[in-house]
Amino acid sequence: MEQYRGMIIHFMDGSQMRVSFPKQVSHEASVPVRMERMLEKDVLMIEADGALLAIPFASIKYLQIYPAPAGMPDYVVKQASITD
């Protein structure tokens, strides 16, 4: 299960933080439920390098998570391309 994932946190002030982490679940079907549970909170909690980071969602513009999790709910737009 040691497949790595990544996340770029884009902050409101224009800065960003890159985080890499091992796959967190053994069953892909649980990913949407866990993501929705995470987004219900006021802070994004990340344990990294022996420290716990509590990042207020109010300071986050958006999250970029890769690779995109499989089995996302039907309201997620899939196979999109970003163009400027």
C-alpha atoms as a PDB file:
ATOM      1  CA  MET A   1       0.000   0.000   0.000  1.00  0.00           C
ATOM      2  CA  GLU A   2       3.066   2.319   0.075  1.00  0.00           C
ATOM      3  CA  GLN A   3       2.050   4.305  -3.038  1.00  0.00           C
ATOM      4  CA  TYR A   4       2.748   8.001  -2.646  1.00  0.00           C
ATOM      5  CA  ARG A   5       0.267  10.822  -3.113  1.00  0.00           C
ATOM      6  CA  GLY A   6       0.760  14.555  -3.254  1.00  0.00           C
ATOM      7  CA  MET A   7      -1.070  17.719  -2.385  1.00  0.00           C
ATOM      8  CA  ILE A   8      -0.388  21.356  -3.149  1.00  0.00           C
ATOM      9  CA  ILE A   9      -2.079  23.762  -0.760  1.00  0.00           C
ATOM     10  CA  HIS A  10      -2.681  27.098  -2.489  1.00  0.00           C
ATOM     11  CA  PHE A  11      -3.078  29.854   0.099  1.00  0.00           C
ATOM     12  CA  MET A  12      -5.097  33.047  -0.174  1.00  0.00           C
ATOM     13  CA  ASP A  13      -1.885  35.141  -0.085  1.00  0.00           C
ATOM     14  CA  GLY A  14      -0.551  33.413  -3.231  1.00  0.00           C
ATOM     15  CA  SER A  15       1.958  31.151  -1.466  1.00  0.00           C
ATOM     16  CA  GLN A  16       1.773  27.381  -1.619  1.00  0.00           C
ATOM     17  CA  MET A  17       2.874  24.339   0.357  1.00  0.00           C
ATOM     18  CA  ARG A  18       3.694  20.985  -1.235  1.00  0.00           C
ATOM     19  CA  VAL A  19       3.036  17.846   0.790  1.00  0.00           C
ATOM     20  CA  SER A  20       3.778  14.239  -0.138  1.00  0.00           C
ATOM     21  CA  PHE A  21       2.419  11.307   1.806  1.00  0.00           C
ATOM     22  CA  PRO A  22       1.796   7.570   1.481  1.00  0.00           C
ATOM     23  CA  LYS A  23      -1.604   6.345   0.407  1.00  0.00           C
ATOM     24  CA  GLN A  24      -3.890   6.750   3.438  1.00  0.00           C
ATOM     25  CA  VAL A  25      -6.574   4.126   2.756  1.00  0.00           C
ATOM     26  CA  SER A  26      -6.545   0.509   1.653  1.00  0.00           C
ATOM     27  CA  HIS A  27      -9.951   0.712  -0.067  1.00  0.00           C
ATOM     28  CA  GLU A  28     -10.499   3.463  -2.661  1.00  0.00           C
ATOM     29  CA  ALA A  29     -14.244   3.398  -1.967  1.00  0.00           C
ATOM     30  CA  SER A  30     -13.640   5.102   1.392  1.00  0.00           C
ATOM     31  CA  VAL A  31     -11.826   8.115  -0.144  1.00  0.00           C
ATOM     32  CA  PRO A  32     -14.917  10.236  -0.979  1.00  0.00           C
ATOM     33  CA  VAL A  33     -16.357   9.746   2.515  1.00  0.00           C
ATOM     34  CA  ARG A  34     -13.062  10.682   4.168  1.00  0.00           C
ATOM     35  CA  MET A  35     -12.655  13.742   1.935  1.00  0.00           C
ATOM     36  CA  GLU A  36     -16.152  14.981   2.753  1.00  0.00           C
ATOM     37  CA  ARG A  37     -15.463  14.447   6.458  1.00  0.00           C
ATOM     38  CA  MET A  38     -12.215  16.420   6.146  1.00  0.00           C
ATOM     39  CA  LEU A  39     -13.940  19.305   4.364  1.00  0.00           C
ATOM     40  CA  GLU A  40     -16.543  19.601   7.153  1.00  0.00           C
ATOM     41  CA  LYS A  41     -13.797  20.758   9.544  1.00  0.00           C
ATOM     42  CA  ASP A  42     -12.497  24.309  10.057  1.00  0.00           C
ATOM     43  CA  VAL A  43      -8.855  23.268   9.769  1.00  0.00           C
ATOM     44  CA  LEU A  44      -6.823  20.924   7.601  1.00  0.00           C
ATOM     45  CA  MET A  45      -4.786  18.698   9.920  1.00  0.00           C
ATOM     46  CA  ILE A  46      -1.495  17.316   8.577  1.00  0.00           C
ATOM     47  CA  GLU A  47       1.085  15.316  10.506  1.00  0.00           C
ATOM     48  CA  ALA A  48       4.403  16.041   8.798  1.00  0.00           C
ATOM     49  CA  ASP A  49       8.007  15.603   9.838  1.00  0.00           C
ATOM     50  CA  GLY A  50       7.081  14.877  13.454  1.00  0.00           C
ATOM     51  CA  ALA A  51       4.832  17.932  13.838  1.00  0.00           C
ATOM     52  CA  LEU A  52       1.092  18.463  13.614  1.00  0.00           C
ATOM     53  CA  LEU A  53       0.044  21.302  11.320  1.00  0.00           C
ATOM     54  CA  ALA A  54      -3.401  22.842  11.752  1.00  0.00           C
ATOM     55  CA  ILE A  55      -4.092  25.004   8.700  1.00  0.00           C
ATOM     56  CA  PRO A  56      -7.327  27.015   8.785  1.00  0.00           C
ATOM     57  CA  PHE A  57      -9.420  26.415   5.677  1.00  0.00           C
ATOM     58  CA  ALA A  58     -10.154  30.170   5.711  1.00  0.00           C
ATOM     59  CA  SER A  59      -6.532  30.727   4.618  1.00  0.00           C
ATOM     60  CA  ILE A  60      -6.697  28.149   1.801  1.00  0.00           C
ATOM     61  CA  LYS A  61      -7.744  29.219  -1.681  1.00  0.00           C
ATOM     62  CA  TYR A  62      -7.830  25.657  -3.034  1.00  0.00           C
ATOM     63  CA  LEU A  63      -6.256  22.198  -2.714  1.00  0.00           C
ATOM     64  CA  GLN A  64      -4.679  20.297  -5.574  1.00  0.00           C
ATOM     65  CA  ILE A  65      -4.539  16.567  -4.787  1.00  0.00           C
ATOM     66  CA  TYR A  66      -2.833  14.072  -7.065  1.00  0.00           C
ATOM     67  CA  PRO A  67      -3.375  11.637  -8.442  1.00  0.00           C
ATOM     68  CA  ALA A  68      -7.078  12.338  -8.425  1.00  0.00           C
ATOM     69  CA  PRO A  69      -8.813   9.778  -6.198  1.00  0.00           C
ATOM     70  CA  ALA A  70     -10.852   7.101  -7.920  1.00  0.00           C
ATOM     71  CA  GLY A  71     -14.547   6.708  -7.222  1.00  0.00           C
ATOM     72  CA  MET A  72     -15.394  10.350  -6.597  1.00  0.00           C
ATOM     73  CA  PRO A  73     -19.114  11.203  -6.269  1.00  0.00           C
ATOM     74  CA  ASP A  74     -21.184  11.977  -9.351  1.00  0.00           C
ATOM     75  CA  TYR A  75     -21.230  15.730  -8.617  1.00  0.00           C
ATOM     76  CA  VAL A  76     -17.438  15.954  -9.247  1.00  0.00           C
ATOM     77  CA  VAL A  77     -16.552  17.123 -12.772  1.00  0.00           C
ATOM     78  CA  LYS A  78     -14.237  14.445 -14.169  1.00  0.00           C
ATOM     79  CA  GLN A  79     -11.615  14.385 -16.945  1.00  0.00           C
ATOM     80  CA  ALA A  80     -11.492  18.200 -17.106  1.00  0.00           C
ATOM     81  CA  SER A  81      -8.606  20.276 -18.485  1.00  0.00           C
ATOM     82  CA  ILE A  82      -7.522  23.627 -17.111  1.00  0.00           C
ATOM     83  CA  THR A  83      -6.858  26.296 -19.715  1.00  0.00           C
ATOM     84  CA  ASP A  84      -5.802  29.902 -19.229  1.00  0.00           C
END
